[in-house]
Amino acid sequence: MRSFFSGIVLFLVYCSAYAQRAMDEGVNAAPADTVDVIWVVLFGVVFVGMIAGFFWYMWINDRKHKPEESKTN
């Protein structure tokens, strides 16, 4: 556990030094103001698809693990 925390600290120090160097070099350009509509639509399709896929997977797993009800009358 100690090595995990020391690794996190070293990673954060590295990220801080990298960000400082990037700011000194003038790389801190502003992000783009607009995005093409195709990327917004693609994000929406992938996002909704992942949610639908997750619920489909949960539904299939639920059906697999439920004991079959006997249909004898």
Protein backbone atom coordinates (compact mmCIF):
# COMPACT_ATOMS: atom_id res chain seq x y z
CA MET A 1 0.00 0.00 0.00
CA ARG A 2 2.89 2.31 0.74
CA SER A 3 4.30 1.86 -2.77
CA PHE A 4 0.87 2.65 -4.24
CA PHE A 5 0.70 5.99 -2.43
CA SER A 6 4.29 6.87 -3.32
CA GLY A 7 3.48 6.05 -6.95
CA ILE A 8 0.46 8.35 -6.86
CA VAL A 9 2.55 11.16 -5.37
CA LEU A 10 5.24 10.74 -8.03
CA PHE A 11 2.61 10.70 -10.77
CA LEU A 12 1.02 13.92 -9.51
CA VAL A 13 4.41 15.63 -9.24
CA TYR A 14 5.22 14.58 -12.81
CA CYS A 15 1.86 15.89 -14.06
CA SER A 16 2.39 19.20 -12.30
CA ALA A 17 5.88 19.60 -13.77
CA TYR A 18 4.62 18.68 -17.25
CA ALA A 19 1.77 21.21 -17.02
CA GLN A 20 4.15 23.93 -15.85
CA ARG A 21 6.54 23.24 -18.74
CA ALA A 22 3.67 23.32 -21.24
CA MET A 23 2.50 26.67 -19.90
CA ASP A 24 6.02 28.09 -20.11
CA GLU A 25 6.27 27.05 -23.76
CA GLY A 26 3.00 28.77 -24.64
CA VAL A 27 1.05 25.65 -25.46
CA ASN A 28 -1.93 26.79 -23.43
CA ALA A 29 -4.12 27.57 -26.44
CA ALA A 30 -7.84 27.98 -25.94
CA PRO A 31 -10.04 25.04 -26.88
CA ALA A 32 -12.19 25.16 -30.00
CA ASP A 33 -15.38 27.17 -29.64
CA THR A 34 -17.54 24.91 -31.77
CA VAL A 35 -17.73 21.25 -32.66
CA ASP A 36 -19.11 19.68 -35.82
CA VAL A 37 -22.61 18.28 -35.46
CA ILE A 38 -21.47 14.83 -36.59
CA TRP A 39 -19.39 14.41 -33.43
CA VAL A 40 -22.32 15.37 -31.21
CA VAL A 41 -24.56 12.87 -33.01
CA LEU A 42 -21.87 10.19 -32.82
CA PHE A 43 -21.47 10.78 -29.10
CA GLY A 44 -25.24 10.53 -28.60
CA VAL A 45 -25.50 7.29 -30.56
CA VAL A 46 -22.59 5.68 -28.72
CA PHE A 47 -23.82 6.91 -25.32
CA VAL A 48 -27.39 5.69 -25.80
CA GLY A 49 -26.11 2.46 -27.37
CA MET A 50 -23.90 1.73 -24.38
CA ILE A 51 -26.78 2.32 -21.97
CA ALA A 52 -29.11 0.11 -24.01
CA GLY A 53 -26.42 -2.58 -24.27
CA PHE A 54 -25.89 -2.52 -20.52
CA PHE A 55 -29.58 -2.98 -19.76
CA TRP A 56 -29.86 -5.73 -22.42
CA TYR A 57 -26.89 -7.53 -20.84
CA MET A 58 -28.45 -7.25 -17.37
CA TRP A 59 -31.78 -8.55 -18.70
CA ILE A 60 -30.13 -11.55 -20.40
CA ASN A 61 -28.11 -12.38 -17.26
CA ASP A 62 -31.23 -12.12 -15.11
CA ARG A 63 -33.05 -14.57 -17.38
CA LYS A 64 -30.13 -17.02 -17.30
CA HIS A 65 -29.87 -17.11 -13.52
CA LYS A 66 -33.59 -17.31 -12.71
CA PRO A 67 -34.78 -20.83 -11.99
CA GLU A 68 -37.26 -22.08 -14.57
CA GLU A 69 -40.81 -22.14 -13.30
CA SER A 70 -42.43 -25.50 -13.78
CA LYS A 71 -45.26 -25.42 -16.29
CA THR A 72 -47.04 -28.53 -15.05
CA ASN A 73 -50.67 -27.95 -14.15
